Amino acid sequence: MTGYLTTHVLDTARGCPAKGLKIDLYRIEDARRIHLKTLVTNDDGRTDEQILPSDQFATGIYELLFHAGDYLDAIGTPPETPRFLDVIPLRFGMSEASHYHVPLLLSPFGYSTYRGS
C-alpha cells in the first residue's frame, strides 16, 4: 500500500463546502518547516489533487496551514480586528504508508479536525 494525504474543508456556519480556501503544506524536519506546496479548495471544499500524492509520500511530521481569515474575508464574514481565527496550523504525524485524510470543520469562532478516512 502507498500513502497519500487529502483534506476536505466544510464551513459549518454556512453549512457548505469552503470553496477558495488556501492551504499550505509543510514537512517538519528537525526544527525547520519546509514548504512543499500551496493548494486551494474547489467547489466541494477539497483540493483538485491529493495534497501529498503517493509518489511524494514519506512518513514524518507535517503541517497544514489553513488560511481561514482570508477565506472568511472573501465570503463576506463581518470583519474583526484582529480576526479570532486567521491562519489555522495543524501539525500531525504520518507513521505508515496509508491514506491520511485531515478534514477541517470551520466557523468564524471555532474549528475541529480529526483523522478521517
C-alpha atoms as a PDB file:
ATOM      1  CA  MET A   1       0.000   0.000   0.000  1.00  0.00           C
ATOM      2  CA  THR A   2       1.165   3.505  -0.761  1.00  0.00           C
ATOM      3  CA  GLY A   3       0.419   6.546   1.325  1.00  0.00           C
ATOM      4  CA  TYR A   4      -1.156   9.849   0.393  1.00  0.00           C
ATOM      5  CA  LEU A   5      -2.733  12.893   2.053  1.00  0.00           C
ATOM      6  CA  THR A   6      -6.099  14.587   1.407  1.00  0.00           C
ATOM      7  CA  THR A   7      -8.371  17.107   3.101  1.00  0.00           C
ATOM      8  CA  HIS A   8     -11.940  18.383   2.994  1.00  0.00           C
ATOM      9  CA  VAL A   9     -12.903  21.778   4.436  1.00  0.00           C
ATOM     10  CA  LEU A  10     -16.509  22.401   5.452  1.00  0.00           C
ATOM     11  CA  ASP A  11     -17.904  25.766   6.500  1.00  0.00           C
ATOM     12  CA  THR A  12     -20.124  24.690   9.395  1.00  0.00           C
ATOM     13  CA  ALA A  13     -21.513  28.203   9.956  1.00  0.00           C
ATOM     14  CA  ARG A  14     -22.934  28.295   6.433  1.00  0.00           C
ATOM     15  CA  GLY A  15     -23.497  24.553   6.029  1.00  0.00           C
ATOM     16  CA  CYS A  16     -21.489  24.193   2.819  1.00  0.00           C
ATOM     17  CA  PRO A  17     -18.034  23.338   1.475  1.00  0.00           C
ATOM     18  CA  ALA A  18     -15.376  26.019   1.974  1.00  0.00           C
ATOM     19  CA  LYS A  19     -14.567  26.967  -1.626  1.00  0.00           C
ATOM     20  CA  GLY A  20     -11.432  29.025  -2.318  1.00  0.00           C
ATOM     21  CA  LEU A  21      -9.592  28.384   0.964  1.00  0.00           C
ATOM     22  CA  LYS A  22      -5.799  28.436   0.588  1.00  0.00           C
ATOM     23  CA  ILE A  23      -3.823  25.612   2.214  1.00  0.00           C
ATOM     24  CA  ASP A  24      -0.042  25.377   2.622  1.00  0.00           C
ATOM     25  CA  LEU A  25       1.699  22.052   3.251  1.00  0.00           C
ATOM     26  CA  TYR A  26       4.973  21.873   5.182  1.00  0.00           C
ATOM     27  CA  ARG A  27       7.212  18.997   6.161  1.00  0.00           C
ATOM     28  CA  ILE A  28       8.840  19.391   9.578  1.00  0.00           C
ATOM     29  CA  GLU A  29      12.486  18.270   9.710  1.00  0.00           C
ATOM     30  CA  ASP A  30      14.393  18.878  12.924  1.00  0.00           C
ATOM     31  CA  ALA A  31      13.281  22.416  13.826  1.00  0.00           C
ATOM     32  CA  ARG A  32      12.715  23.524  10.224  1.00  0.00           C
ATOM     33  CA  ARG A  33       9.458  23.938   8.288  1.00  0.00           C
ATOM     34  CA  ILE A  34       9.956  23.089   4.627  1.00  0.00           C
ATOM     35  CA  HIS A  35       7.230  24.393   2.330  1.00  0.00           C
ATOM     36  CA  LEU A  36       6.116  21.677  -0.104  1.00  0.00           C
ATOM     37  CA  LYS A  37       3.123  23.212  -1.881  1.00  0.00           C
ATOM     38  CA  THR A  38       0.158  25.539  -1.815  1.00  0.00           C
ATOM     39  CA  LEU A  39      -3.319  24.449  -2.897  1.00  0.00           C
ATOM     40  CA  VAL A  40      -6.796  25.998  -2.939  1.00  0.00           C
ATOM     41  CA  THR A  41     -10.056  24.204  -2.209  1.00  0.00           C
ATOM     42  CA  ASN A  42     -12.538  23.678  -5.031  1.00  0.00           C
ATOM     43  CA  ASP A  43     -16.364  23.893  -5.117  1.00  0.00           C
ATOM     44  CA  ASP A  44     -16.569  20.746  -2.962  1.00  0.00           C
ATOM     45  CA  GLY A  45     -14.138  22.066  -0.314  1.00  0.00           C
ATOM     46  CA  ARG A  46     -11.470  19.608  -1.469  1.00  0.00           C
ATOM     47  CA  THR A  47      -8.268  20.127  -3.424  1.00  0.00           C
ATOM     48  CA  ASP A  48      -8.226  19.155  -7.099  1.00  0.00           C
ATOM     49  CA  GLU A  49      -5.243  16.904  -6.441  1.00  0.00           C
ATOM     50  CA  GLN A  50      -4.009  14.972  -3.435  1.00  0.00           C
ATOM     51  CA  ILE A  51      -2.178  17.264  -1.062  1.00  0.00           C
ATOM     52  CA  LEU A  52       0.650  14.758  -0.884  1.00  0.00           C
ATOM     53  CA  PRO A  53       0.357  12.133  -3.627  1.00  0.00           C
ATOM     54  CA  SER A  54       1.740   8.613  -3.272  1.00  0.00           C
ATOM     55  CA  ASP A  55       4.808   9.323  -5.432  1.00  0.00           C
ATOM     56  CA  GLN A  56       5.856  12.078  -2.979  1.00  0.00           C
ATOM     57  CA  PHE A  57       4.689  10.398   0.236  1.00  0.00           C
ATOM     58  CA  ALA A  58       7.114   9.896   3.120  1.00  0.00           C
ATOM     59  CA  THR A  59       6.388   9.218   6.762  1.00  0.00           C
ATOM     60  CA  GLY A  60       7.162  12.032   9.157  1.00  0.00           C
ATOM     61  CA  ILE A  61       5.784  15.185  10.720  1.00  0.00           C
ATOM     62  CA  TYR A  62       3.758  17.568   8.548  1.00  0.00           C
ATOM     63  CA  GLU A  63       1.842  20.787   8.998  1.00  0.00           C
ATOM     64  CA  LEU A  64      -1.142  22.110   7.091  1.00  0.00           C
ATOM     65  CA  LEU A  65      -1.813  25.855   7.307  1.00  0.00           C
ATOM     66  CA  PHE A  66      -5.428  26.694   6.556  1.00  0.00           C
ATOM     67  CA  HIS A  67      -5.831  30.388   5.645  1.00  0.00           C
ATOM     68  CA  ALA A  68      -9.210  30.807   7.316  1.00  0.00           C
ATOM     69  CA  GLY A  69      -9.075  34.600   7.728  1.00  0.00           C
ATOM     70  CA  ASP A  70      -8.641  35.203   4.001  1.00  0.00           C
ATOM     71  CA  TYR A  71     -11.486  32.767   3.292  1.00  0.00           C
ATOM     72  CA  LEU A  72     -13.782  34.479   5.819  1.00  0.00           C
ATOM     73  CA  ASP A  73     -12.949  37.879   4.299  1.00  0.00           C
ATOM     74  CA  ALA A  74     -13.682  36.579   0.783  1.00  0.00           C
ATOM     75  CA  ILE A  75     -17.126  35.237   1.705  1.00  0.00           C
ATOM     76  CA  GLY A  76     -18.121  38.479   3.444  1.00  0.00           C
ATOM     77  CA  THR A  77     -17.981  37.412   7.087  1.00  0.00           C
ATOM     78  CA  PRO A  78     -18.107  40.637   9.118  1.00  0.00           C
ATOM     79  CA  PRO A  79     -14.510  41.591   9.901  1.00  0.00           C
ATOM     80  CA  GLU A  80     -12.926  41.813  13.312  1.00  0.00           C
ATOM     81  CA  THR A  81      -9.596  43.385  14.071  1.00  0.00           C
ATOM     82  CA  PRO A  82      -7.866  41.076  14.508  1.00  0.00           C
ATOM     83  CA  ARG A  83      -9.905  38.064  13.409  1.00  0.00           C
ATOM     84  CA  PHE A  84     -10.389  35.406  16.074  1.00  0.00           C
ATOM     85  CA  LEU A  85      -9.244  32.766  13.561  1.00  0.00           C
ATOM     86  CA  ASP A  86      -6.780  33.711  10.871  1.00  0.00           C
ATOM     87  CA  VAL A  87      -4.275  31.009   9.954  1.00  0.00           C
ATOM     88  CA  ILE A  88      -5.006  27.593  11.468  1.00  0.00           C
ATOM     89  CA  PRO A  89      -1.933  25.343  11.826  1.00  0.00           C
ATOM     90  CA  LEU A  90      -2.481  21.591  12.100  1.00  0.00           C
ATOM     91  CA  ARG A  91       0.671  19.600  12.868  1.00  0.00           C
ATOM     92  CA  PHE A  92       0.377  15.840  12.637  1.00  0.00           C
ATOM     93  CA  GLY A  93       2.436  12.719  12.053  1.00  0.00           C
ATOM     94  CA  MET A  94       2.142  10.120   9.337  1.00  0.00           C
ATOM     95  CA  SER A  95       3.719   6.901  10.600  1.00  0.00           C
ATOM     96  CA  GLU A  96       2.857   4.412   7.860  1.00  0.00           C
ATOM     97  CA  ALA A  97       2.050   4.211   4.163  1.00  0.00           C
ATOM     98  CA  SER A  98      -1.688   4.754   4.365  1.00  0.00           C
ATOM     99  CA  HIS A  99      -4.375   7.211   3.299  1.00  0.00           C
ATOM    100  CA  TYR A 100      -4.292  10.154   5.691  1.00  0.00           C
ATOM    101  CA  HIS A 101      -7.353  12.370   5.451  1.00  0.00           C
ATOM    102  CA  VAL A 102      -7.241  15.547   7.574  1.00  0.00           C
ATOM    103  CA  PRO A 103     -10.572  17.392   7.323  1.00  0.00           C
ATOM    104  CA  LEU A 104     -11.292  20.800   8.809  1.00  0.00           C
ATOM    105  CA  LEU A 105     -14.719  21.862  10.080  1.00  0.00           C
ATOM    106  CA  LEU A 106     -14.615  25.642  10.187  1.00  0.00           C
ATOM    107  CA  SER A 107     -16.673  28.534  11.528  1.00  0.00           C
ATOM    108  CA  PRO A 108     -15.581  32.122  12.312  1.00  0.00           C
ATOM    109  CA  PHE A 109     -15.116  31.282  16.003  1.00  0.00           C
ATOM    110  CA  GLY A 110     -14.048  27.651  16.086  1.00  0.00           C
ATOM    111  CA  TYR A 111     -12.807  24.627  14.203  1.00  0.00           C
ATOM    112  CA  SER A 112     -12.277  20.928  14.646  1.00  0.00           C
ATOM    113  CA  THR A 113     -10.309  18.252  12.870  1.00  0.00           C
ATOM    114  CA  TYR A 114      -9.766  14.519  13.066  1.00  0.00           C
ATOM    115  CA  ARG A 115      -8.132  11.712  11.134  1.00  0.00           C
ATOM    116  CA  GLY A 116     -10.754  10.804   8.573  1.00  0.00           C
ATOM    117  CA  SER A 117     -10.980   8.060   6.022  1.00  0.00           C
END
